[in-house]
PDB file of N, CA and C in Angstrom:
ATOM      1  N   UNK A   1     208.890 212.535  82.662  1.00  0.00           N
ATOM      2  CA  UNK A   1     209.005 212.323  81.005  1.00  0.00           C
ATOM      3  C   UNK A   1     210.199 212.691  80.745  1.00  0.00           C
ATOM      4  N   UNK A   2     210.970 212.729  79.702  1.00  0.00           N
ATOM      5  CA  UNK A   2     211.821 212.952  79.117  1.00  0.00           C
ATOM      6  C   UNK A   2     211.251 213.858  77.735  1.00  0.00           C
ATOM      7  N   UNK A   3     212.505 215.491  76.781  1.00  0.00           N
ATOM      8  CA  UNK A   3     212.198 215.281  76.282  1.00  0.00           C
ATOM      9  C   UNK A   3     211.429 215.567  75.189  1.00  0.00           C
ATOM     10  N   UNK A   4     211.891 214.479  74.638  1.00  0.00           N
ATOM     11  CA  UNK A   4     211.349 214.042  73.267  1.00  0.00           C
ATOM     12  C   UNK A   4     210.038 213.518  73.584  1.00  0.00           C
ATOM     13  N   UNK A   5     209.486 212.818  74.598  1.00  0.00           N
ATOM     14  CA  UNK A   5     208.148 212.422  74.720  1.00  0.00           C
ATOM     15  C   UNK A   5     207.470 213.459  75.702  1.00  0.00           C
ATOM     16  N   UNK A   6     207.781 214.334  75.483  1.00  0.00           N
ATOM     17  CA  UNK A   6     207.001 215.739  76.155  1.00  0.00           C
ATOM     18  C   UNK A   6     206.647 216.171  74.505  1.00  0.00           C
ATOM     19  N   UNK A   7     207.992 216.099  73.807  1.00  0.00           N
ATOM     20  CA  UNK A   7     207.515 217.145  72.216  1.00  0.00           C
ATOM     21  C   UNK A   7     206.285 216.202  71.702  1.00  0.00           C
ATOM     22  N   UNK A   8     205.778 215.321  72.313  1.00  0.00           N
ATOM     23  CA  UNK A   8     204.779 214.046  71.560  1.00  0.00           C
ATOM     24  C   UNK A   8     203.874 214.092  71.609  1.00  0.00           C
ATOM     25  N   UNK A   9     203.836 213.986  72.794  1.00  0.00           N
ATOM     26  CA  UNK A   9     202.418 214.363  73.425  1.00  0.00           C
ATOM     27  C   UNK A   9     201.445 215.956  73.210  1.00  0.00           C
ATOM     28  N   UNK A  10     200.415 215.369  72.703  1.00  0.00           N
ATOM     29  CA  UNK A  10     200.231 216.619  72.642  1.00  0.00           C
ATOM     30  C   UNK A  10     199.549 217.806  74.277  1.00  0.00           C
ATOM     31  N   UNK A  11     199.765 217.911  75.367  1.00  0.00           N
ATOM     32  CA  UNK A  11     200.184 218.137  76.594  1.00  0.00           C
ATOM     33  C   UNK A  11     200.774 220.008  76.439  1.00  0.00           C
ATOM     34  N   UNK A  12     200.501 220.646  76.819  1.00  0.00           N
ATOM     35  CA  UNK A  12     201.835 221.698  77.632  1.00  0.00           C
ATOM     36  C   UNK A  12     202.291 221.384  78.503  1.00  0.00           C
ATOM     37  N   UNK A  13     203.854 222.082  77.712  1.00  0.00           N
ATOM     38  CA  UNK A  13     204.726 221.295  78.476  1.00  0.00           C
ATOM     39  C   UNK A  13     205.474 222.106  79.370  1.00  0.00           C
ATOM     40  N   UNK A  14     205.370 221.449  81.394  1.00  0.00           N
ATOM     41  CA  UNK A  14     206.277 222.154  82.047  1.00  0.00           C
ATOM     42  C   UNK A  14     207.029 221.946  82.427  1.00  0.00           C
ATOM     43  N   UNK A  15     207.650 222.481  83.142  1.00  0.00           N
ATOM     44  CA  UNK A  15     209.481 221.997  83.810  1.00  0.00           C
ATOM     45  C   UNK A  15     209.666 220.968  85.069  1.00  0.00           C
ATOM     46  N   UNK A  16     208.923 221.114  85.771  1.00  0.00           N
ATOM     47  CA  UNK A  16     208.248 219.975  86.835  1.00  0.00           C
ATOM     48  C   UNK A  16     208.074 219.031  86.169  1.00  0.00           C
ATOM     49  N   UNK A  17     207.018 218.719  84.847  1.00  0.00           N
ATOM     50  CA  UNK A  17     207.083 217.984  84.927  1.00  0.00           C
ATOM     51  C   UNK A  17     208.080 216.945  83.511  1.00  0.00           C
ATOM     52  N   UNK A  18     209.090 217.403  83.439  1.00  0.00           N
ATOM     53  CA  UNK A  18     209.870 216.980  82.395  1.00  0.00           C
ATOM     54  C   UNK A  18     211.479 216.438  83.093  1.00  0.00           C
ATOM     55  N   UNK A  19     212.238 215.452  82.657  1.00  0.00           N
ATOM     56  CA  UNK A  19     213.443 214.726  83.112  1.00  0.00           C
ATOM     57  C   UNK A  19     214.198 214.464  82.438  1.00  0.00           C
ATOM     58  N   UNK A  20     215.730 214.663  81.927  1.00  0.00           N
ATOM     59  CA  UNK A  20     215.916 214.000  81.147  1.00  0.00           C
ATOM     60  C   UNK A  20     217.249 213.006  81.793  1.00  0.00           C
ATOM     61  N   UNK A  21     216.691 212.065  82.226  1.00  0.00           N
ATOM     62  CA  UNK A  21     217.765 211.279  83.169  1.00  0.00           C
ATOM     63  C   UNK A  21     219.710 210.974  82.618  1.00  0.00           C
ATOM     64  N   UNK A  22     220.519 210.826  82.575  1.00  0.00           N
ATOM     65  CA  UNK A  22     221.087 210.835  82.182  1.00  0.00           C
ATOM     66  C   UNK A  22     222.063 209.460  82.618  1.00  0.00           C
ATOM     67  N   UNK A  23     223.288 209.123  82.276  1.00  0.00           N
ATOM     68  CA  UNK A  23     224.160 207.652  83.019  1.00  0.00           C
ATOM     69  C   UNK A  23     224.409 207.648  84.246  1.00  0.00           C
ATOM     70  N   UNK A  24     224.353 208.733  84.720  1.00  0.00           N
ATOM     71  CA  UNK A  24     224.700 208.836  86.253  1.00  0.00           C
ATOM     72  C   UNK A  24     223.930 209.107  87.229  1.00  0.00           C
ATOM     73  N   UNK A  25     222.543 209.665  86.963  1.00  0.00           N
ATOM     74  CA  UNK A  25     221.333 209.367  87.209  1.00  0.00           C
ATOM     75  C   UNK A  25     220.907 208.164  87.248  1.00  0.00           C
ATOM     76  N   UNK A  26     221.043 207.806  86.280  1.00  0.00           N
ATOM     77  CA  UNK A  26     220.166 206.126  86.365  1.00  0.00           C
ATOM     78  C   UNK A  26     221.038 205.746  87.373  1.00  0.00           C
ATOM     79  N   UNK A  27     222.843 205.171  87.438  1.00  0.00           N
ATOM     80  CA  UNK A  27     223.115 204.301  87.968  1.00  0.00           C
ATOM     81  C   UNK A  27     222.851 204.519  90.228  1.00  0.00           C
ATOM     82  N   UNK A  28     222.989 206.098  89.892  1.00  0.00           N
ATOM     83  CA  UNK A  28     222.380 206.218  91.955  1.00  0.00           C
ATOM     84  C   UNK A  28     221.500 206.020  91.809  1.00  0.00           C
ATOM     85  N   UNK A  29     220.336 206.128  90.673  1.00  0.00           N
ATOM     86  CA  UNK A  29     218.397 205.689  90.893  1.00  0.00           C
ATOM     87  C   UNK A  29     218.766 204.206  91.829  1.00  0.00           C
ATOM     88  N   UNK A  30     219.235 203.622  90.161  1.00  0.00           N
ATOM     89  CA  UNK A  30     219.228 201.939  90.284  1.00  0.00           C
ATOM     90  C   UNK A  30     219.822 201.691  92.292  1.00  0.00           C
ATOM     91  N   UNK A  31     221.053 202.021  92.603  1.00  0.00           N
ATOM     92  CA  UNK A  31     221.884 201.762  93.269  1.00  0.00           C
ATOM     93  C   UNK A  31     220.956 202.444  95.012  1.00  0.00           C
ATOM     94  N   UNK A  32     220.006 203.194  94.518  1.00  0.00           N
ATOM     95  CA  UNK A  32     219.473 204.136  95.888  1.00  0.00           C
ATOM     96  C   UNK A  32     218.136 202.862  95.943  1.00  0.00           C
ATOM     97  N   UNK A  33     217.370 202.336  94.751  1.00  0.00           N
ATOM     98  CA  UNK A  33     216.657 201.673  94.940  1.00  0.00           C
ATOM     99  C   UNK A  33     217.396 199.985  95.437  1.00  0.00           C
ATOM    100  N   UNK A  34     218.524 199.514  94.628  1.00  0.00           N
ATOM    101  CA  UNK A  34     218.922 198.305  95.389  1.00  0.00           C
ATOM    102  C   UNK A  34     218.802 198.182  97.118  1.00  0.00           C
ATOM    103  N   UNK A  35     219.343 199.650  97.578  1.00  0.00           N
ATOM    104  CA  UNK A  35     219.952 199.720  98.718  1.00  0.00           C
ATOM    105  C   UNK A  35     218.542 199.686  99.878  1.00  0.00           C
ATOM    106  N   UNK A  36     217.691 199.747  98.640  1.00  0.00           N
ATOM    107  CA  UNK A  36     216.365 199.893 100.021  1.00  0.00           C
ATOM    108  C   UNK A  36     215.741 199.034 100.093  1.00  0.00           C
ATOM    109  N   UNK A  37     215.527 198.251  98.552  1.00  0.00           N
ATOM    110  CA  UNK A  37     215.159 196.608  98.814  1.00  0.00           C
ATOM    111  C   UNK A  37     215.640 195.603 100.117  1.00  0.00           C
ATOM    112  N   UNK A  38     217.545 195.989  99.872  1.00  0.00           N
ATOM    113  CA  UNK A  38     218.201 194.666 100.796  1.00  0.00           C
ATOM    114  C   UNK A  38     217.829 195.640 102.552  1.00  0.00           C
ATOM    115  N   UNK A  39     218.078 196.793 102.609  1.00  0.00           N
ATOM    116  CA  UNK A  39     217.678 197.287 104.154  1.00  0.00           C
ATOM    117  C   UNK A  39     216.312 196.897 104.770  1.00  0.00           C
ATOM    118  N   UNK A  40     215.183 196.944 102.911  1.00  0.00           N
ATOM    119  CA  UNK A  40     213.790 196.393 104.491  1.00  0.00           C
ATOM    120  C   UNK A  40     213.903 195.223 104.636  1.00  0.00           C
ATOM    121  N   UNK A  41     214.534 194.758 103.595  1.00  0.00           N
ATOM    122  CA  UNK A  41     214.424 192.557 103.467  1.00  0.00           C
ATOM    123  C   UNK A  41     214.843 192.286 105.097  1.00  0.00           C
ATOM    124  N   UNK A  42     215.757 192.948 106.102  1.00  0.00           N
ATOM    125  CA  UNK A  42     215.741 191.978 106.949  1.00  0.00           C
ATOM    126  C   UNK A  42     215.197 192.450 108.221  1.00  0.00           C
ATOM    127  N   UNK A  43     214.333 193.427 108.521  1.00  0.00           N
ATOM    128  CA  UNK A  43     213.061 193.621 109.230  1.00  0.00           C
ATOM    129  C   UNK A  43     211.393 193.016 108.719  1.00  0.00           C
ATOM    130  N   UNK A  44     211.425 192.409 107.282  1.00  0.00           N
ATOM    131  CA  UNK A  44     210.963 191.443 106.848  1.00  0.00           C
ATOM    132  C   UNK A  44     210.611 190.406 107.562  1.00  0.00           C
ATOM    133  N   UNK A  45     212.191 189.993 107.954  1.00  0.00           N
ATOM    134  CA  UNK A  45     212.307 188.403 107.905  1.00  0.00           C
ATOM    135  C   UNK A  45     212.514 188.136 109.426  1.00  0.00           C
ATOM    136  N   UNK A  46     212.755 189.694 109.889  1.00  0.00           N
ATOM    137  CA  UNK A  46     213.013 189.182 111.363  1.00  0.00           C
ATOM    138  C   UNK A  46     211.242 189.324 112.054  1.00  0.00           C
ATOM    139  N   UNK A  47     210.689 189.614 111.420  1.00  0.00           N
ATOM    140  CA  UNK A  47     208.644 190.220 112.082  1.00  0.00           C
ATOM    141  C   UNK A  47     208.190 188.694 110.640  1.00  0.00           C
ATOM    142  N   UNK A  48     208.389 188.468 109.711  1.00  0.00           N
ATOM    143  CA  UNK A  48     207.563 186.992 108.945  1.00  0.00           C
ATOM    144  C   UNK A  48     208.240 186.210 109.518  1.00  0.00           C
ATOM    145  N   UNK A  49     209.772 185.826 109.073  1.00  0.00           N
ATOM    146  CA  UNK A  49     210.353 184.552 109.867  1.00  0.00           C
ATOM    147  C   UNK A  49     210.383 184.671 110.988  1.00  0.00           C
ATOM    148  N   UNK A  50     210.457 184.857 112.057  1.00  0.00           N
ATOM    149  CA  UNK A  50     210.829 185.215 113.216  1.00  0.00           C
ATOM    150  C   UNK A  50     210.048 185.388 114.176  1.00  0.00           C
ATOM    151  N   UNK A  51     209.461 185.993 114.507  1.00  0.00           N
ATOM    152  CA  UNK A  51     208.035 186.882 115.343  1.00  0.00           C
ATOM    153  C   UNK A  51     207.135 185.746 114.915  1.00  0.00           C
ATOM    154  N   UNK A  52     206.021 185.343 113.430  1.00  0.00           N
ATOM    155  CA  UNK A  52     205.258 184.499 113.071  1.00  0.00           C
ATOM    156  C   UNK A  52     205.656 183.431 113.245  1.00  0.00           C
ATOM    157  N   UNK A  53     206.736 183.252 113.040  1.00  0.00           N
ATOM    158  CA  UNK A  53     207.275 181.481 112.305  1.00  0.00           C
ATOM    159  C   UNK A  53     206.913 181.513 111.017  1.00  0.00           C
ATOM    160  N   UNK A  54     206.793 181.806 110.953  1.00  0.00           N
ATOM    161  CA  UNK A  54     206.461 181.559 109.037  1.00  0.00           C
ATOM    162  C   UNK A  54     207.878 180.551 108.208  1.00  0.00           C
ATOM    163  N   UNK A  55     206.802 179.908 107.728  1.00  0.00           N
ATOM    164  CA  UNK A  55     208.197 178.483 107.313  1.00  0.00           C
ATOM    165  C   UNK A  55     208.171 178.983 105.313  1.00  0.00           C
ATOM    166  N   UNK A  56     210.035 179.194 106.196  1.00  0.00           N
ATOM    167  CA  UNK A  56     210.731 179.839 105.409  1.00  0.00           C
ATOM    168  C   UNK A  56     210.852 178.850 103.952  1.00  0.00           C
ATOM    169  N   UNK A  57     211.065 179.394 102.759  1.00  0.00           N
ATOM    170  CA  UNK A  57     210.597 179.003 101.468  1.00  0.00           C
ATOM    171  C   UNK A  57     211.481 177.755 101.491  1.00  0.00           C
ATOM    172  N   UNK A  58     212.386 176.906 101.677  1.00  0.00           N
ATOM    173  CA  UNK A  58     213.420 176.418 101.373  1.00  0.00           C
ATOM    174  C   UNK A  58     213.361 174.998 100.497  1.00  0.00           C
ATOM    175  N   UNK A  59     214.169 174.193  99.886  1.00  0.00           N
ATOM    176  CA  UNK A  59     214.121 173.697  98.757  1.00  0.00           C
ATOM    177  C   UNK A  59     213.298 172.630  99.021  1.00  0.00           C
ATOM    178  N   UNK A  60     213.532 172.066 100.699  1.00  0.00           N
ATOM    179  CA  UNK A  60     211.963 170.791 101.013  1.00  0.00           C
ATOM    180  C   UNK A  60     211.099 171.382 100.962  1.00  0.00           C
ATOM    181  N   UNK A  61     210.974 172.951 101.142  1.00  0.00           N
ATOM    182  CA  UNK A  61     209.564 173.302 101.090  1.00  0.00           C
ATOM    183  C   UNK A  61     208.840 173.105  99.534  1.00  0.00           C
ATOM    184  N   UNK A  62     210.007 173.901  98.293  1.00  0.00           N
ATOM    185  CA  UNK A  62     209.790 173.707  97.386  1.00  0.00           C
ATOM    186  C   UNK A  62     209.688 172.634  96.557  1.00  0.00           C
ATOM    187  N   UNK A  63     209.640 171.538  97.482  1.00  0.00           N
ATOM    188  CA  UNK A  63     209.680 169.914  97.178  1.00  0.00           C
ATOM    189  C   UNK A  63     208.774 169.411  97.146  1.00  0.00           C
ATOM    190  N   UNK A  64     207.935 169.777  98.099  1.00  0.00           N
ATOM    191  CA  UNK A  64     206.471 169.379  98.765  1.00  0.00           C
ATOM    192  C   UNK A  64     205.437 170.330  98.438  1.00  0.00           C
ATOM    193  N   UNK A  65     206.397 171.821  97.940  1.00  0.00           N
ATOM    194  CA  UNK A  65     204.857 172.012  96.959  1.00  0.00           C
ATOM    195  C   UNK A  65     204.521 171.397  95.434  1.00  0.00           C
ATOM    196  N   UNK A  66     206.057 171.000  94.958  1.00  0.00           N
ATOM    197  CA  UNK A  66     205.969 170.407  94.106  1.00  0.00           C
ATOM    198  C   UNK A  66     205.163 168.837  93.927  1.00  0.00           C
ATOM    199  N   UNK A  67     205.630 168.006  94.867  1.00  0.00           N
ATOM    200  CA  UNK A  67     204.939 166.904  95.052  1.00  0.00           C
ATOM    201  C   UNK A  67     203.139 166.750  95.484  1.00  0.00           C
ATOM    202  N   UNK A  68     203.031 168.322  96.119  1.00  0.00           N
ATOM    203  CA  UNK A  68     201.541 168.615  95.584  1.00  0.00           C
ATOM    204  C   UNK A  68     200.864 168.397  94.587  1.00  0.00           C
ATOM    205  N   UNK A  69     200.982 168.875  93.737  1.00  0.00           N
ATOM    206  CA  UNK A  69     201.037 168.938  91.928  1.00  0.00           C
ATOM    207  C   UNK A  69     200.662 167.152  91.831  1.00  0.00           C
ATOM    208  N   UNK A  70     201.500 166.747  92.403  1.00  0.00           N
ATOM    209  CA  UNK A  70     201.074 164.662  91.504  1.00  0.00           C
ATOM    210  C   UNK A  70     199.848 164.441  92.524  1.00  0.00           C
ATOM    211  N   UNK A  71     199.428 164.434  93.737  1.00  0.00           N
ATOM    212  CA  UNK A  71     198.837 163.576  93.836  1.00  0.00           C
ATOM    213  C   UNK A  71     196.810 164.212  93.839  1.00  0.00           C
ATOM    214  N   UNK A  72     196.642 162.777  93.268  1.00  0.00           N
ATOM    215  CA  UNK A  72     195.408 163.225  92.606  1.00  0.00           C
ATOM    216  C   UNK A  72     194.132 164.245  93.164  1.00  0.00           C
ATOM    217  N   UNK A  73     194.500 164.835  94.221  1.00  0.00           N
ATOM    218  CA  UNK A  73     193.810 166.522  94.511  1.00  0.00           C
ATOM    219  C   UNK A  73     194.235 167.747  94.167  1.00  0.00           C
ATOM    220  N   UNK A  74     195.886 167.188  94.083  1.00  0.00           N
ATOM    221  CA  UNK A  74     196.853 168.267  93.471  1.00  0.00           C
ATOM    222  C   UNK A  74     196.406 168.327  92.269  1.00  0.00           C
ATOM    223  N   UNK A  75     196.618 167.140  91.130  1.00  0.00           N
ATOM    224  CA  UNK A  75     196.129 167.040  89.750  1.00  0.00           C
ATOM    225  C   UNK A  75     194.766 167.574  89.117  1.00  0.00           C
ATOM    226  N   UNK A  76     193.635 167.803  90.129  1.00  0.00           N
ATOM    227  CA  UNK A  76     193.026 168.045  88.864  1.00  0.00           C
ATOM    228  C   UNK A  76     193.002 169.390  90.001  1.00  0.00           C
ATOM    229  N   UNK A  77     192.910 170.064  90.897  1.00  0.00           N
ATOM    230  CA  UNK A  77     193.236 171.242  91.362  1.00  0.00           C
ATOM    231  C   UNK A  77     194.005 171.802  89.998  1.00  0.00           C
ATOM    232  N   UNK A  78     195.420 171.569  89.965  1.00  0.00           N
ATOM    233  CA  UNK A  78     196.037 172.136  88.454  1.00  0.00           C
ATOM    234  C   UNK A  78     195.377 172.200  87.245  1.00  0.00           C
ATOM    235  N   UNK A  79     194.459 170.852  86.737  1.00  0.00           N
ATOM    236  CA  UNK A  79     194.129 170.787  85.629  1.00  0.00           C
ATOM    237  C   UNK A  79     192.754 172.180  85.262  1.00  0.00           C
ATOM    238  N   UNK A  80     192.097 172.217  86.017  1.00  0.00           N
ATOM    239  CA  UNK A  80     191.009 173.325  87.037  1.00  0.00           C
ATOM    240  C   UNK A  80     191.538 174.750  86.568  1.00  0.00           C
ATOM    241  N   UNK A  81     193.236 175.057  86.992  1.00  0.00           N
ATOM    242  CA  UNK A  81     193.335 176.511  87.139  1.00  0.00           C
ATOM    243  C   UNK A  81     193.521 176.306  86.102  1.00  0.00           C
ATOM    244  N   UNK A  82     194.407 175.909  84.936  1.00  0.00           N
ATOM    245  CA  UNK A  82     194.589 175.733  84.055  1.00  0.00           C
ATOM    246  C   UNK A  82     193.687 176.323  82.740  1.00  0.00           C
ATOM    247  N   UNK A  83     192.676 175.197  83.147  1.00  0.00           N
ATOM    248  CA  UNK A  83     191.234 175.341  82.381  1.00  0.00           C
ATOM    249  C   UNK A  83     190.695 176.610  82.871  1.00  0.00           C
ATOM    250  N   UNK A  84     190.858 177.308  83.503  1.00  0.00           N
ATOM    251  CA  UNK A  84     190.401 178.961  84.145  1.00  0.00           C
ATOM    252  C   UNK A  84     191.467 179.647  83.383  1.00  0.00           C
ATOM    253  N   UNK A  85     192.728 179.405  83.584  1.00  0.00           N
ATOM    254  CA  UNK A  85     193.245 180.594  83.037  1.00  0.00           C
ATOM    255  C   UNK A  85     193.284 180.624  81.475  1.00  0.00           C
ATOM    256  N   UNK A  86     192.891 179.152  81.106  1.00  0.00           N
ATOM    257  CA  UNK A  86     192.935 179.120  79.084  1.00  0.00           C
ATOM    258  C   UNK A  86     191.536 180.572  79.006  1.00  0.00           C
ATOM    259  N   UNK A  87     190.633 180.362  79.848  1.00  0.00           N
ATOM    260  CA  UNK A  87     189.370 181.055  79.402  1.00  0.00           C
ATOM    261  C   UNK A  87     189.480 182.324  79.518  1.00  0.00           C
ATOM    262  N   UNK A  88     189.948 182.895  80.623  1.00  0.00           N
ATOM    263  CA  UNK A  88     190.650 184.301  80.542  1.00  0.00           C
ATOM    264  C   UNK A  88     191.224 184.282  79.643  1.00  0.00           C
ATOM    265  N   UNK A  89     192.331 184.008  79.115  1.00  0.00           N
ATOM    266  CA  UNK A  89     193.928 184.250  78.302  1.00  0.00           C
ATOM    267  C   UNK A  89     192.605 184.044  76.421  1.00  0.00           C
ATOM    268  N   UNK A  90     191.772 184.006  76.491  1.00  0.00           N
ATOM    269  CA  UNK A  90     191.299 183.825  75.362  1.00  0.00           C
ATOM    270  C   UNK A  90     189.838 185.252  75.416  1.00  0.00           C
ATOM    271  N   UNK A  91     189.229 185.363  76.740  1.00  0.00           N
ATOM    272  CA  UNK A  91     188.413 186.423  76.717  1.00  0.00           C
ATOM    273  C   UNK A  91     189.125 187.115  76.853  1.00  0.00           C
ATOM    274  N   UNK A  92     190.476 187.314  77.400  1.00  0.00           N
ATOM    275  CA  UNK A  92     191.746 189.211  77.190  1.00  0.00           C
ATOM    276  C   UNK A  92     191.770 189.312  75.785  1.00  0.00           C
ATOM    277  N   UNK A  93     192.344 188.090  74.863  1.00  0.00           N
ATOM    278  CA  UNK A  93     192.690 187.966  72.958  1.00  0.00           C
ATOM    279  C   UNK A  93     191.033 188.592  72.383  1.00  0.00           C
ATOM    280  N   UNK A  94     190.168 187.838  72.412  1.00  0.00           N
ATOM    281  CA  UNK A  94     189.263 188.261  71.568  1.00  0.00           C
ATOM    282  C   UNK A  94     188.548 189.491  72.487  1.00  0.00           C
ATOM    283  N   UNK A  95     188.578 190.462  73.171  1.00  0.00           N
ATOM    284  CA  UNK A  95     188.715 191.641  74.038  1.00  0.00           C
ATOM    285  C   UNK A  95     189.341 192.359  73.123  1.00  0.00           C
ATOM    286  N   UNK A  96     190.208 192.551  72.940  1.00  0.00           N
ATOM    287  CA  UNK A  96     192.030 192.842  72.815  1.00  0.00           C
ATOM    288  C   UNK A  96     191.354 193.186  71.123  1.00  0.00           C
ATOM    289  N   UNK A  97     191.485 191.885  70.290  1.00  0.00           N
ATOM    290  CA  UNK A  97     191.449 191.580  68.525  1.00  0.00           C
ATOM    291  C   UNK A  97     189.737 192.572  68.795  1.00  0.00           C
ATOM    292  N   UNK A  98     188.463 192.392  69.254  1.00  0.00           N
ATOM    293  CA  UNK A  98     187.081 193.140  68.714  1.00  0.00           C
ATOM    294  C   UNK A  98     188.110 194.367  68.865  1.00  0.00           C
ATOM    295  N   UNK A  99     188.940 195.181  69.536  1.00  0.00           N
ATOM    296  CA  UNK A  99     188.636 196.809  70.000  1.00  0.00           C
ATOM    297  C   UNK A  99     189.558 197.391  69.083  1.00  0.00           C
ATOM    298  N   UNK A 100     191.324 196.001  68.685  1.00  0.00           N
ATOM    299  CA  UNK A 100     191.742 196.033  67.745  1.00  0.00           C
ATOM    300  C   UNK A 100     190.882 196.849  65.989  1.00  0.00           C
ATOM    301  N   UNK A 101     190.426 196.265  65.795  1.00  0.00           N
ATOM    302  CA  UNK A 101     189.418 195.404  64.615  1.00  0.00           C
ATOM    303  C   UNK A 101     188.383 196.959  64.363  1.00  0.00           C
ATOM    304  N   UNK A 102     187.467 196.909  65.079  1.00  0.00           N
ATOM    305  CA  UNK A 102     185.997 197.703  65.128  1.00  0.00           C
ATOM    306  C   UNK A 102     186.629 198.969  65.481  1.00  0.00           C
ATOM    307  N   UNK A 103     187.677 199.508  67.021  1.00  0.00           N
ATOM    308  CA  UNK A 103     187.434 200.581  67.512  1.00  0.00           C
ATOM    309  C   UNK A 103     188.107 201.369  66.588  1.00  0.00           C
ATOM    310  N   UNK A 104     188.985 201.333  65.521  1.00  0.00           N
ATOM    311  CA  UNK A 104     190.798 201.533  65.647  1.00  0.00           C
ATOM    312  C   UNK A 104     189.681 202.392  64.281  1.00  0.00           C
ATOM    313  N   UNK A 105     191.182 203.689  63.933  1.00  0.00           N
ATOM    314  CA  UNK A 105     191.104 204.398  62.241  1.00  0.00           C
ATOM    315  C   UNK A 105     191.320 203.757  61.388  1.00  0.00           C
ATOM    316  N   UNK A 106     191.640 203.927  60.670  1.00  0.00           N
ATOM    317  CA  UNK A 106     191.932 203.940  59.055  1.00  0.00           C
ATOM    318  C   UNK A 106     193.343 202.887  59.142  1.00  0.00           C
ATOM    319  N   UNK A 107     194.118 202.825  59.626  1.00  0.00           N
ATOM    320  CA  UNK A 107     194.961 201.949  59.768  1.00  0.00           C
ATOM    321  C   UNK A 107     195.020 200.967  60.765  1.00  0.00           C
ATOM    322  N   UNK A 108     193.626 200.057  61.508  1.00  0.00           N
ATOM    323  CA  UNK A 108     194.169 199.185  61.724  1.00  0.00           C
ATOM    324  C   UNK A 108     192.604 198.176  61.043  1.00  0.00           C
ATOM    325  N   UNK A 109     192.479 197.247  61.205  1.00  0.00           N
ATOM    326  CA  UNK A 109     192.426 196.019  60.392  1.00  0.00           C
ATOM    327  C   UNK A 109     192.875 195.304  60.009  1.00  0.00           C
ATOM    328  N   UNK A 110     192.445 193.922  58.995  1.00  0.00           N
ATOM    329  CA  UNK A 110     193.608 193.474  58.061  1.00  0.00           C
ATOM    330  C   UNK A 110     194.223 193.716  57.062  1.00  0.00           C
ATOM    331  N   UNK A 111     193.597 195.282  56.674  1.00  0.00           N
ATOM    332  CA  UNK A 111     194.802 195.601  55.051  1.00  0.00           C
ATOM    333  C   UNK A 111     195.605 196.022  56.508  1.00  0.00           C
ATOM    334  N   UNK A 112     196.162 196.051  57.442  1.00  0.00           N
ATOM    335  CA  UNK A 112     197.491 196.628  57.459  1.00  0.00           C
ATOM    336  C   UNK A 112     197.905 196.125  58.668  1.00  0.00           C
ATOM    337  N   UNK A 113     197.252 194.477  58.740  1.00  0.00           N
ATOM    338  CA  UNK A 113     197.788 193.677  59.693  1.00  0.00           C
ATOM    339  C   UNK A 113     199.043 192.409  58.635  1.00  0.00           C
ATOM    340  N   UNK A 114     200.326 193.029  58.617  1.00  0.00           N
ATOM    341  CA  UNK A 114     201.058 192.144  58.235  1.00  0.00           C
ATOM    342  C   UNK A 114     201.282 190.845  57.636  1.00  0.00           C
ATOM    343  N   UNK A 115     200.756 190.136  58.541  1.00  0.00           N
ATOM    344  CA  UNK A 115     200.802 188.810  59.156  1.00  0.00           C
ATOM    345  C   UNK A 115     200.166 188.128  57.943  1.00  0.00           C
ATOM    346  N   UNK A 116     198.700 188.874  58.017  1.00  0.00           N
ATOM    347  CA  UNK A 116     198.177 188.377  56.825  1.00  0.00           C
ATOM    348  C   UNK A 116     198.324 188.340  54.860  1.00  0.00           C
ATOM    349  N   UNK A 117     199.810 188.822  54.988  1.00  0.00           N
ATOM    350  CA  UNK A 117     200.079 189.225  53.540  1.00  0.00           C
ATOM    351  C   UNK A 117     199.067 190.269  53.225  1.00  0.00           C
ATOM    352  N   UNK A 118     198.196 191.033  53.230  1.00  0.00           N
ATOM    353  CA  UNK A 118     197.774 191.610  52.029  1.00  0.00           C
ATOM    354  C   UNK A 118     198.528 192.973  52.054  1.00  0.00           C
ATOM    355  N   UNK A 119     199.159 193.056  52.904  1.00  0.00           N
ATOM    356  CA  UNK A 119     200.112 194.547  53.133  1.00  0.00           C
ATOM    357  C   UNK A 119     201.152 194.526  52.360  1.00  0.00           C
ATOM    358  N   UNK A 120     202.030 192.925  52.612  1.00  0.00           N
ATOM    359  CA  UNK A 120     203.551 193.156  52.008  1.00  0.00           C
ATOM    360  C   UNK A 120     202.706 191.913  50.659  1.00  0.00           C
ATOM    361  N   UNK A 121     202.246 191.914  50.488  1.00  0.00           N
ATOM    362  CA  UNK A 121     201.393 191.137  48.938  1.00  0.00           C
ATOM    363  C   UNK A 121     201.356 192.693  47.586  1.00  0.00           C
ATOM    364  N   UNK A 122     200.596 193.540  48.740  1.00  0.00           N
ATOM    365  CA  UNK A 122     200.818 195.216  47.447  1.00  0.00           C
ATOM    366  C   UNK A 122     202.481 195.878  47.645  1.00  0.00           C
ATOM    367  N   UNK A 123     203.560 195.170  48.696  1.00  0.00           N
ATOM    368  CA  UNK A 123     204.760 196.297  48.744  1.00  0.00           C
ATOM    369  C   UNK A 123     205.660 195.347  48.118  1.00  0.00           C
ATOM    370  N   UNK A 124     205.669 194.466  47.264  1.00  0.00           N
ATOM    371  CA  UNK A 124     206.623 193.774  46.989  1.00  0.00           C
ATOM    372  C   UNK A 124     206.919 193.869  45.508  1.00  0.00           C
TER     373      UNK A 124
END
């Protein structure tokens, strides 16, 4: 973490936990990570595609996958997956709303939710 973040946290400052990255350090880090990814792709290609003879995701494979959605079985499966995704989204949203509304301090709730217009009405 940087010095500024370390000052904001209430914990004691230790030199080993603080790094103020400069532009040169960030560019070097990104190059190292990028080349590490490039060098790891070659052995993975050899293992997965050549040794295990797995199908490479070409345009034909992608088109076959998209066409499988338009079969009656694929449409039913896709509809069920979208419904399940919607249920989990609503559950997650409801739980987040519950936590925001009931477990927050004085700064939480409808009074500090500017979209509802109450706080904006007071400041006009």
